[in-house]
């Protein structure tokens, strides 16, 4: 079985997040290469930054730097690189929405 492409993982993640009323926004920050691909906003206002990768692919060095910066700033940052990690991301966002992590 072929590895899933980034766009396939992204499409599935978007569909599943929207089904639980999360916003799934493209993140573009001119002049800041390496920022995460997407921002998820849960129904109760939690924000999660997401770096999407093709199945089995790892973030580039600059993407890793941004992940560390965001985490140090207290932000939630996830790398989604498979159907399994996408499912974990949706579960995490649902738990944020339910107040489990508040």
PDB file of N, CA and C in Angstrom:
ATOM      1  N   UNK A   1       0.840  -1.190   0.000  1.00  0.00           N
ATOM      2  CA  UNK A   1       0.000   0.000   0.000  1.00  0.00           C
ATOM      3  C   UNK A   1       0.880   1.247   0.000  1.00  0.00           C
ATOM      4  N   UNK A   2       0.551   2.182  -0.852  1.00  0.00           N
ATOM      5  CA  UNK A   2       1.345   3.402  -0.974  1.00  0.00           C
ATOM      6  C   UNK A   2       1.109   4.321   0.228  1.00  0.00           C
ATOM      7  N   UNK A   3       2.138   5.071   0.572  1.00  0.00           N
ATOM      8  CA  UNK A   3       2.007   6.050   1.644  1.00  0.00           C
ATOM      9  C   UNK A   3       1.009   7.118   1.228  1.00  0.00           C
ATOM     10  N   UNK A   4       0.270   7.634   2.213  1.00  0.00           N
ATOM     11  CA  UNK A   4      -0.676   8.701   1.931  1.00  0.00           C
ATOM     12  C   UNK A   4       0.080   9.999   1.673  1.00  0.00           C
ATOM     13  N   UNK A   5      -0.419  10.742   0.701  1.00  0.00           N
ATOM     14  CA  UNK A   5       0.140  12.049   0.403  1.00  0.00           C
ATOM     15  C   UNK A   5      -0.349  13.069   1.421  1.00  0.00           C
ATOM     16  N   UNK A   6       0.405  14.157   1.556  1.00  0.00           N
ATOM     17  CA  UNK A   6       0.040  15.217   2.499  1.00  0.00           C
ATOM     18  C   UNK A   6      -1.366  15.734   2.219  1.00  0.00           C
ATOM     19  N   UNK A   7      -1.701  15.930   0.953  1.00  0.00           N
ATOM     20  CA  UNK A   7      -3.021  16.492   0.622  1.00  0.00           C
ATOM     21  C   UNK A   7      -4.155  15.529   0.989  1.00  0.00           C
ATOM     22  N   UNK A   8      -3.896  14.220   0.934  1.00  0.00           N
ATOM     23  CA  UNK A   8      -4.911  13.239   1.329  1.00  0.00           C
ATOM     24  C   UNK A   8      -5.123  13.262   2.841  1.00  0.00           C
ATOM     25  N   UNK A   9      -4.034  13.356   3.580  1.00  0.00           N
ATOM     26  CA  UNK A   9      -4.113  13.432   5.040  1.00  0.00           C
ATOM     27  C   UNK A   9      -4.827  14.726   5.437  1.00  0.00           C
ATOM     28  N   UNK A  10      -4.463  15.816   4.765  1.00  0.00           N
ATOM     29  CA  UNK A  10      -5.067  17.114   5.056  1.00  0.00           C
ATOM     30  C   UNK A  10      -6.574  17.105   4.784  1.00  0.00           C
ATOM     31  N   UNK A  11      -6.998  16.531   3.667  1.00  0.00           N
ATOM     32  CA  UNK A  11      -8.422  16.493   3.317  1.00  0.00           C
ATOM     33  C   UNK A  11      -9.217  15.695   4.351  1.00  0.00           C
ATOM     34  N   UNK A  12      -8.679  14.576   4.775  1.00  0.00           N
ATOM     35  CA  UNK A  12      -9.344  13.745   5.782  1.00  0.00           C
ATOM     36  C   UNK A  12      -9.410  14.470   7.125  1.00  0.00           C
ATOM     37  N   UNK A  13      -8.303  15.092   7.512  1.00  0.00           N
ATOM     38  CA  UNK A  13      -8.258  15.834   8.772  1.00  0.00           C
ATOM     39  C   UNK A  13      -9.276  16.964   8.761  1.00  0.00           C
ATOM     40  N   UNK A  14      -9.324  17.715   7.673  1.00  0.00           N
ATOM     41  CA  UNK A  14     -10.275  18.832   7.538  1.00  0.00           C
ATOM     42  C   UNK A  14     -11.708  18.335   7.704  1.00  0.00           C
ATOM     43  N   UNK A  15     -12.068  17.280   7.001  1.00  0.00           N
ATOM     44  CA  UNK A  15     -13.423  16.731   7.062  1.00  0.00           C
ATOM     45  C   UNK A  15     -13.770  16.315   8.492  1.00  0.00           C
ATOM     46  N   UNK A  16     -12.861  15.607   9.153  1.00  0.00           N
ATOM     47  CA  UNK A  16     -13.128  15.120  10.505  1.00  0.00           C
ATOM     48  C   UNK A  16     -13.175  16.242  11.539  1.00  0.00           C
ATOM     49  N   UNK A  17     -12.327  17.249  11.383  1.00  0.00           N
ATOM     50  CA  UNK A  17     -12.358  18.379  12.319  1.00  0.00           C
ATOM     51  C   UNK A  17     -13.622  19.209  12.137  1.00  0.00           C
ATOM     52  N   UNK A  18     -14.011  19.442  10.889  1.00  0.00           N
ATOM     53  CA  UNK A  18     -15.223  20.221  10.654  1.00  0.00           C
ATOM     54  C   UNK A  18     -16.462  19.487  11.151  1.00  0.00           C
ATOM     55  N   UNK A  19     -16.419  18.147  11.156  1.00  0.00           N
ATOM     56  CA  UNK A  19     -17.562  17.378  11.663  1.00  0.00           C
ATOM     57  C   UNK A  19     -17.746  17.541  13.169  1.00  0.00           C
ATOM     58  N   UNK A  20     -16.698  17.992  13.865  1.00  0.00           N
ATOM     59  CA  UNK A  20     -16.802  18.262  15.306  1.00  0.00           C
ATOM     60  C   UNK A  20     -16.739  19.769  15.580  1.00  0.00           C
ATOM     61  N   UNK A  21     -17.093  20.547  14.541  1.00  0.00           N
ATOM     62  CA  UNK A  21     -17.246  22.011  14.637  1.00  0.00           C
ATOM     63  C   UNK A  21     -15.959  22.779  14.913  1.00  0.00           C
ATOM     64  N   UNK A  22     -14.829  22.230  14.505  1.00  0.00           N
ATOM     65  CA  UNK A  22     -13.568  22.967  14.607  1.00  0.00           C
ATOM     66  C   UNK A  22     -13.320  23.714  13.304  1.00  0.00           C
ATOM     67  N   UNK A  23     -12.707  24.878  13.411  1.00  0.00           N
ATOM     68  CA  UNK A  23     -12.251  25.594  12.223  1.00  0.00           C
ATOM     69  C   UNK A  23     -10.877  25.044  11.847  1.00  0.00           C
ATOM     70  N   UNK A  24     -10.609  24.944  10.562  1.00  0.00           N
ATOM     71  CA  UNK A  24      -9.348  24.405  10.046  1.00  0.00           C
ATOM     72  C   UNK A  24      -8.838  25.405   9.024  1.00  0.00           C
ATOM     73  N   UNK A  25      -7.947  26.282   9.455  1.00  0.00           N
ATOM     74  CA  UNK A  25      -7.527  27.436   8.655  1.00  0.00           C
ATOM     75  C   UNK A  25      -6.100  27.289   8.140  1.00  0.00           C
ATOM     76  N   UNK A  26      -5.882  27.748   6.914  1.00  0.00           N
ATOM     77  CA  UNK A  26      -4.533  27.768   6.365  1.00  0.00           C
ATOM     78  C   UNK A  26      -3.775  28.896   7.063  1.00  0.00           C
ATOM     79  N   UNK A  27      -2.545  28.637   7.447  1.00  0.00           N
ATOM     80  CA  UNK A  27      -1.716  29.627   8.126  1.00  0.00           C
ATOM     81  C   UNK A  27      -0.642  30.095   7.164  1.00  0.00           C
ATOM     82  N   UNK A  28      -0.680  31.387   6.841  1.00  0.00           N
ATOM     83  CA  UNK A  28       0.328  31.998   5.987  1.00  0.00           C
ATOM     84  C   UNK A  28       0.879  33.198   6.746  1.00  0.00           C
ATOM     85  N   UNK A  29       2.191  33.264   6.858  1.00  0.00           N
ATOM     86  CA  UNK A  29       2.828  34.364   7.565  1.00  0.00           C
ATOM     87  C   UNK A  29       4.001  34.862   6.727  1.00  0.00           C
ATOM     88  N   UNK A  30       3.733  35.832   5.844  1.00  0.00           N
ATOM     89  CA  UNK A  30       4.797  36.320   4.957  1.00  0.00           C
ATOM     90  C   UNK A  30       6.060  36.717   5.725  1.00  0.00           C
ATOM     91  N   UNK A  31       7.187  36.287   5.208  1.00  0.00           N
ATOM     92  CA  UNK A  31       8.468  36.607   5.834  1.00  0.00           C
ATOM     93  C   UNK A  31       8.857  35.653   6.950  1.00  0.00           C
ATOM     94  N   UNK A  32       8.040  34.646   7.206  1.00  0.00           N
ATOM     95  CA  UNK A  32       8.311  33.691   8.277  1.00  0.00           C
ATOM     96  C   UNK A  32       8.258  32.268   7.729  1.00  0.00           C
ATOM     97  N   UNK A  33       9.279  31.886   7.015  1.00  0.00           N
ATOM     98  CA  UNK A  33       9.343  30.541   6.437  1.00  0.00           C
ATOM     99  C   UNK A  33       9.328  29.495   7.541  1.00  0.00           C
ATOM    100  N   UNK A  34       8.658  28.378   7.274  1.00  0.00           N
ATOM    101  CA  UNK A  34       8.659  27.260   8.202  1.00  0.00           C
ATOM    102  C   UNK A  34       7.524  27.244   9.203  1.00  0.00           C
ATOM    103  N   UNK A  35       6.630  28.270   9.162  1.00  0.00           N
ATOM    104  CA  UNK A  35       5.507  28.245  10.103  1.00  0.00           C
ATOM    105  C   UNK A  35       4.608  27.058   9.771  1.00  0.00           C
ATOM    106  N   UNK A  36       3.817  26.578  10.746  1.00  0.00           N
ATOM    107  CA  UNK A  36       2.938  25.434  10.494  1.00  0.00           C
ATOM    108  C   UNK A  36       1.953  25.697   9.357  1.00  0.00           C
ATOM    109  N   UNK A  37       1.467  24.615   8.764  1.00  0.00           N
ATOM    110  CA  UNK A  37       0.555  24.709   7.630  1.00  0.00           C
ATOM    111  C   UNK A  37      -0.832  25.208   8.006  1.00  0.00           C
ATOM    112  N   UNK A  38      -1.322  24.752   9.154  1.00  0.00           N
ATOM    113  CA  UNK A  38      -2.713  25.004   9.517  1.00  0.00           C
ATOM    114  C   UNK A  38      -2.865  25.419  10.968  1.00  0.00           C
ATOM    115  N   UNK A  39      -3.988  26.101  11.221  1.00  0.00           N
ATOM    116  CA  UNK A  39      -4.400  26.451  12.579  1.00  0.00           C
ATOM    117  C   UNK A  39      -5.782  25.860  12.789  1.00  0.00           C
ATOM    118  N   UNK A  40      -5.942  25.144  13.883  1.00  0.00           N
ATOM    119  CA  UNK A  40      -7.253  24.617  14.265  1.00  0.00           C
ATOM    120  C   UNK A  40      -7.758  25.481  15.411  1.00  0.00           C
ATOM    121  N   UNK A  41      -9.020  25.886  15.320  1.00  0.00           N
ATOM    122  CA  UNK A  41      -9.662  26.594  16.426  1.00  0.00           C
ATOM    123  C   UNK A  41     -10.872  25.764  16.844  1.00  0.00           C
ATOM    124  N   UNK A  42     -10.861  25.342  18.103  1.00  0.00           N
ATOM    125  CA  UNK A  42     -11.957  24.510  18.611  1.00  0.00           C
ATOM    126  C   UNK A  42     -13.165  25.391  18.933  1.00  0.00           C
ATOM    127  N   UNK A  43     -14.343  24.788  19.102  1.00  0.00           N
ATOM    128  CA  UNK A  43     -15.544  25.573  19.391  1.00  0.00           C
ATOM    129  C   UNK A  43     -15.448  26.443  20.643  1.00  0.00           C
ATOM    130  N   UNK A  44     -14.611  26.046  21.601  1.00  0.00           N
ATOM    131  CA  UNK A  44     -14.476  26.860  22.814  1.00  0.00           C
ATOM    132  C   UNK A  44     -13.214  27.719  22.819  1.00  0.00           C
ATOM    133  N   UNK A  45     -12.598  27.895  21.631  1.00  0.00           N
ATOM    134  CA  UNK A  45     -11.531  28.871  21.488  1.00  0.00           C
ATOM    135  C   UNK A  45     -10.108  28.401  21.675  1.00  0.00           C
ATOM    136  N   UNK A  46      -9.874  27.123  21.859  1.00  0.00           N
ATOM    137  CA  UNK A  46      -8.495  26.631  21.919  1.00  0.00           C
ATOM    138  C   UNK A  46      -7.889  26.669  20.518  1.00  0.00           C
ATOM    139  N   UNK A  47      -6.598  26.966  20.459  1.00  0.00           N
ATOM    140  CA  UNK A  47      -5.889  27.062  19.183  1.00  0.00           C
ATOM    141  C   UNK A  47      -4.793  25.997  19.139  1.00  0.00           C
ATOM    142  N   UNK A  48      -4.721  25.284  18.020  1.00  0.00           N
ATOM    143  CA  UNK A  48      -3.715  24.247  17.819  1.00  0.00           C
ATOM    144  C   UNK A  48      -3.046  24.508  16.469  1.00  0.00           C
ATOM    145  N   UNK A  49      -1.731  24.585  16.455  1.00  0.00           N
ATOM    146  CA  UNK A  49      -0.970  24.726  15.211  1.00  0.00           C
ATOM    147  C   UNK A  49      -0.625  23.330  14.708  1.00  0.00           C
ATOM    148  N   UNK A  50      -0.756  23.124  13.389  1.00  0.00           N
ATOM    149  CA  UNK A  50      -0.529  21.798  12.810  1.00  0.00           C
ATOM    150  C   UNK A  50       0.417  21.882  11.620  1.00  0.00           C
ATOM    151  N   UNK A  51       1.457  21.051  11.674  1.00  0.00           N
ATOM    152  CA  UNK A  51       2.358  20.851  10.537  1.00  0.00           C
ATOM    153  C   UNK A  51       1.936  19.547   9.870  1.00  0.00           C
ATOM    154  N   UNK A  52       1.566  19.612   8.608  1.00  0.00           N
ATOM    155  CA  UNK A  52       1.162  18.426   7.852  1.00  0.00           C
ATOM    156  C   UNK A  52       2.328  17.904   7.037  1.00  0.00           C
ATOM    157  N   UNK A  53       2.470  16.591   7.024  1.00  0.00           N
ATOM    158  CA  UNK A  53       3.540  15.946   6.258  1.00  0.00           C
ATOM    159  C   UNK A  53       2.981  14.721   5.547  1.00  0.00           C
ATOM    160  N   UNK A  54       3.635  14.350   4.468  1.00  0.00           N
ATOM    161  CA  UNK A  54       3.337  13.094   3.793  1.00  0.00           C
ATOM    162  C   UNK A  54       3.613  11.959   4.778  1.00  0.00           C
ATOM    163  N   UNK A  55       2.904  10.861   4.621  1.00  0.00           N
ATOM    164  CA  UNK A  55       3.065   9.741   5.543  1.00  0.00           C
ATOM    165  C   UNK A  55       4.532   9.338   5.656  1.00  0.00           C
ATOM    166  N   UNK A  56       5.015   9.297   6.909  1.00  0.00           N
ATOM    167  CA  UNK A  56       6.387   8.897   7.183  1.00  0.00           C
ATOM    168  C   UNK A  56       7.422   9.996   7.039  1.00  0.00           C
ATOM    169  N   UNK A  57       7.029  11.170   6.557  1.00  0.00           N
ATOM    170  CA  UNK A  57       7.969  12.281   6.373  1.00  0.00           C
ATOM    171  C   UNK A  57       8.085  13.074   7.672  1.00  0.00           C
ATOM    172  N   UNK A  58       9.245  13.650   7.908  1.00  0.00           N
ATOM    173  CA  UNK A  58       9.493  14.434   9.124  1.00  0.00           C
ATOM    174  C   UNK A  58       9.571  15.926   8.772  1.00  0.00           C
ATOM    175  N   UNK A  59       9.275  16.802   9.726  1.00  0.00           N
ATOM    176  CA  UNK A  59       9.407  18.244   9.486  1.00  0.00           C
ATOM    177  C   UNK A  59      10.857  18.629   9.162  1.00  0.00           C
ATOM    178  N   UNK A  60      10.995  19.643   8.323  1.00  0.00           N
ATOM    179  CA  UNK A  60      12.323  20.185   8.013  1.00  0.00           C
ATOM    180  C   UNK A  60      12.853  20.928   9.245  1.00  0.00           C
ATOM    181  N   UNK A  61      14.136  21.213   9.234  1.00  0.00           N
ATOM    182  CA  UNK A  61      14.787  21.848  10.391  1.00  0.00           C
ATOM    183  C   UNK A  61      14.091  23.154  10.794  1.00  0.00           C
ATOM    184  N   UNK A  62      13.764  24.006   9.829  1.00  0.00           N
ATOM    185  CA  UNK A  62      13.117  25.280  10.145  1.00  0.00           C
ATOM    186  C   UNK A  62      11.711  25.056  10.714  1.00  0.00           C
ATOM    187  N   UNK A  63      11.023  24.022  10.242  1.00  0.00           N
ATOM    188  CA  UNK A  63       9.712  23.689  10.796  1.00  0.00           C
ATOM    189  C   UNK A  63       9.843  23.209  12.239  1.00  0.00           C
ATOM    190  N   UNK A  64      10.896  22.460  12.517  1.00  0.00           N
ATOM    191  CA  UNK A  64      11.169  22.022  13.896  1.00  0.00           C
ATOM    192  C   UNK A  64      11.424  23.223  14.807  1.00  0.00           C
ATOM    193  N   UNK A  65      12.161  24.207  14.293  1.00  0.00           N
ATOM    194  CA  UNK A  65      12.441  25.422  15.063  1.00  0.00           C
ATOM    195  C   UNK A  65      11.135  26.114  15.435  1.00  0.00           C
ATOM    196  N   UNK A  66      10.228  26.244  14.454  1.00  0.00           N
ATOM    197  CA  UNK A  66       8.942  26.879  14.736  1.00  0.00           C
ATOM    198  C   UNK A  66       8.129  26.080  15.752  1.00  0.00           C
ATOM    199  N   UNK A  67       8.155  24.761  15.641  1.00  0.00           N
ATOM    200  CA  UNK A  67       7.450  23.929  16.611  1.00  0.00           C
ATOM    201  C   UNK A  67       7.947  24.183  18.024  1.00  0.00           C
ATOM    202  N   UNK A  68       9.258  24.265  18.172  1.00  0.00           N
ATOM    203  CA  UNK A  68       9.847  24.536  19.495  1.00  0.00           C
ATOM    204  C   UNK A  68       9.476  25.926  19.993  1.00  0.00           C
ATOM    205  N   UNK A  69       9.521  26.927  19.110  1.00  0.00           N
ATOM    206  CA  UNK A  69       9.147  28.297  19.500  1.00  0.00           C
ATOM    207  C   UNK A  69       7.701  28.354  19.980  1.00  0.00           C
ATOM    208  N   UNK A  70       6.823  27.717  19.228  1.00  0.00           N
ATOM    209  CA  UNK A  70       5.408  27.746  19.593  1.00  0.00           C
ATOM    210  C   UNK A  70       5.160  27.031  20.910  1.00  0.00           C
ATOM    211  N   UNK A  71       5.781  25.886  21.096  1.00  0.00           N
ATOM    212  CA  UNK A  71       5.606  25.156  22.359  1.00  0.00           C
ATOM    213  C   UNK A  71       6.158  25.944  23.539  1.00  0.00           C
ATOM    214  N   UNK A  72       7.332  26.581  23.353  1.00  0.00           N
ATOM    215  CA  UNK A  72       7.904  27.416  24.422  1.00  0.00           C
ATOM    216  C   UNK A  72       6.977  28.563  24.786  1.00  0.00           C
ATOM    217  N   UNK A  73       6.241  29.062  23.798  1.00  0.00           N
ATOM    218  CA  UNK A  73       5.304  30.163  24.039  1.00  0.00           C
ATOM    219  C   UNK A  73       3.992  29.680  24.659  1.00  0.00           C
ATOM    220  N   UNK A  74       3.893  28.361  24.896  1.00  0.00           N
ATOM    221  CA  UNK A  74       2.697  27.804  25.511  1.00  0.00           C
ATOM    222  C   UNK A  74       1.626  27.379  24.526  1.00  0.00           C
ATOM    223  N   UNK A  75       1.962  27.362  23.249  1.00  0.00           N
ATOM    224  CA  UNK A  75       1.000  26.965  22.215  1.00  0.00           C
ATOM    225  C   UNK A  75       0.983  25.457  22.025  1.00  0.00           C
ATOM    226  N   UNK A  76      -0.120  24.983  21.521  1.00  0.00           N
ATOM    227  CA  UNK A  76      -0.250  23.570  21.160  1.00  0.00           C
ATOM    228  C   UNK A  76       0.215  23.415  19.718  1.00  0.00           C
ATOM    229  N   UNK A  77       1.114  22.467  19.469  1.00  0.00           N
ATOM    230  CA  UNK A  77       1.697  22.245  18.146  1.00  0.00           C
ATOM    231  C   UNK A  77       1.764  20.746  17.896  1.00  0.00           C
ATOM    232  N   UNK A  78       1.181  20.306  16.782  1.00  0.00           N
ATOM    233  CA  UNK A  78       1.164  18.891  16.434  1.00  0.00           C
ATOM    234  C   UNK A  78       1.698  18.682  15.028  1.00  0.00           C
ATOM    235  N   UNK A  79       2.365  17.564  14.809  1.00  0.00           N
ATOM    236  CA  UNK A  79       2.757  17.133  13.472  1.00  0.00           C
ATOM    237  C   UNK A  79       1.821  15.994  13.097  1.00  0.00           C
ATOM    238  N   UNK A  80       1.159  16.138  11.955  1.00  0.00           N
ATOM    239  CA  UNK A  80       0.239  15.109  11.470  1.00  0.00           C
ATOM    240  C   UNK A  80       0.838  14.546  10.188  1.00  0.00           C
ATOM    241  N   UNK A  81       1.187  13.239  10.242  1.00  0.00           N
ATOM    242  CA  UNK A  81       1.871  12.622   9.107  1.00  0.00           C
ATOM    243  C   UNK A  81       1.306  11.247   8.746  1.00  0.00           C
ATOM    244  N   UNK A  82       0.090  10.967   9.218  1.00  0.00           N
ATOM    245  CA  UNK A  82      -0.538   9.675   8.906  1.00  0.00           C
ATOM    246  C   UNK A  82      -2.005   9.739   9.285  1.00  0.00           C
ATOM    247  N   UNK A  83      -2.744   8.725   8.866  1.00  0.00           N
ATOM    248  CA  UNK A  83      -4.136   8.633   9.277  1.00  0.00           C
ATOM    249  C   UNK A  83      -4.268   8.491  10.777  1.00  0.00           C
ATOM    250  N   UNK A  84      -3.329   7.753  11.380  1.00  0.00           N
ATOM    251  CA  UNK A  84      -3.364   7.556  12.829  1.00  0.00           C
ATOM    252  C   UNK A  84      -3.107   8.857  13.588  1.00  0.00           C
ATOM    253  N   UNK A  85      -2.116   9.626  13.146  1.00  0.00           N
ATOM    254  CA  UNK A  85      -1.835  10.888  13.847  1.00  0.00           C
ATOM    255  C   UNK A  85      -2.944  11.902  13.589  1.00  0.00           C
ATOM    256  N   UNK A  86      -3.607  11.816  12.433  1.00  0.00           N
ATOM    257  CA  UNK A  86      -4.755  12.688  12.166  1.00  0.00           C
ATOM    258  C   UNK A  86      -5.895  12.356  13.121  1.00  0.00           C
ATOM    259  N   UNK A  87      -6.143  11.066  13.349  1.00  0.00           N
ATOM    260  CA  UNK A  87      -7.195  10.646  14.280  1.00  0.00           C
ATOM    261  C   UNK A  87      -6.875  11.114  15.695  1.00  0.00           C
ATOM    262  N   UNK A  88      -5.597  11.016  16.089  1.00  0.00           N
ATOM    263  CA  UNK A  88      -5.192  11.497  17.422  1.00  0.00           C
ATOM    264  C   UNK A  88      -5.405  13.009  17.532  1.00  0.00           C
ATOM    265  N   UNK A  89      -5.129  13.734  16.444  1.00  0.00           N
ATOM    266  CA  UNK A  89      -5.322  15.189  16.421  1.00  0.00           C
ATOM    267  C   UNK A  89      -6.798  15.531  16.625  1.00  0.00           C
ATOM    268  N   UNK A  90      -7.685  14.835  15.923  1.00  0.00           N
ATOM    269  CA  UNK A  90      -9.120  15.076  16.066  1.00  0.00           C
ATOM    270  C   UNK A  90      -9.563  14.768  17.493  1.00  0.00           C
ATOM    271  N   UNK A  91      -9.117  13.640  18.041  1.00  0.00           N
ATOM    272  CA  UNK A  91      -9.460  13.284  19.425  1.00  0.00           C
ATOM    273  C   UNK A  91      -8.978  14.355  20.401  1.00  0.00           C
ATOM    274  N   UNK A  92      -7.751  14.827  20.198  1.00  0.00           N
ATOM    275  CA  UNK A  92      -7.180  15.867  21.057  1.00  0.00           C
ATOM    276  C   UNK A  92      -8.044  17.128  21.012  1.00  0.00           C
ATOM    277  N   UNK A  93      -8.430  17.524  19.799  1.00  0.00           N
ATOM    278  CA  UNK A  93      -9.240  18.738  19.649  1.00  0.00           C
ATOM    279  C   UNK A  93     -10.630  18.553  20.259  1.00  0.00           C
ATOM    280  N   UNK A  94     -11.198  17.353  20.133  1.00  0.00           N
ATOM    281  CA  UNK A  94     -12.485  17.077  20.772  1.00  0.00           C
ATOM    282  C   UNK A  94     -12.347  17.166  22.291  1.00  0.00           C
ATOM    283  N   UNK A  95     -11.261  16.649  22.825  1.00  0.00           N
ATOM    284  CA  UNK A  95     -11.030  16.736  24.266  1.00  0.00           C
ATOM    285  C   UNK A  95     -10.837  18.175  24.712  1.00  0.00           C
ATOM    286  N   UNK A  96     -10.149  18.971  23.909  1.00  0.00           N
ATOM    287  CA  UNK A  96     -10.023  20.400  24.223  1.00  0.00           C
ATOM    288  C   UNK A  96     -11.402  21.054  24.251  1.00  0.00           C
ATOM    289  N   UNK A  97     -12.221  20.691  23.277  1.00  0.00           N
ATOM    290  CA  UNK A  97     -13.573  21.264  23.180  1.00  0.00           C
ATOM    291  C   UNK A  97     -14.440  20.893  24.376  1.00  0.00           C
ATOM    292  N   UNK A  98     -14.222  19.703  24.914  1.00  0.00           N
ATOM    293  CA  UNK A  98     -15.039  19.250  26.042  1.00  0.00           C
ATOM    294  C   UNK A  98     -14.522  19.768  27.381  1.00  0.00           C
ATOM    295  N   UNK A  99     -13.375  20.434  27.347  1.00  0.00           N
ATOM    296  CA  UNK A  99     -12.839  21.005  28.582  1.00  0.00           C
ATOM    297  C   UNK A  99     -11.950  20.074  29.377  1.00  0.00           C
ATOM    298  N   UNK A 100     -11.634  18.911  28.831  1.00  0.00           N
ATOM    299  CA  UNK A 100     -10.789  17.938  29.540  1.00  0.00           C
ATOM    300  C   UNK A 100      -9.438  18.543  29.918  1.00  0.00           C
ATOM    301  N   UNK A 101      -8.872  19.378  29.043  1.00  0.00           N
ATOM    302  CA  UNK A 101      -7.534  19.926  29.290  1.00  0.00           C
ATOM    303  C   UNK A 101      -7.547  21.318  29.908  1.00  0.00           C
ATOM    304  N   UNK A 102      -8.727  21.818  30.262  1.00  0.00           N
ATOM    305  CA  UNK A 102      -8.799  23.164  30.871  1.00  0.00           C
ATOM    306  C   UNK A 102      -8.320  23.156  32.299  1.00  0.00           C
TER     307      UNK A 102
END
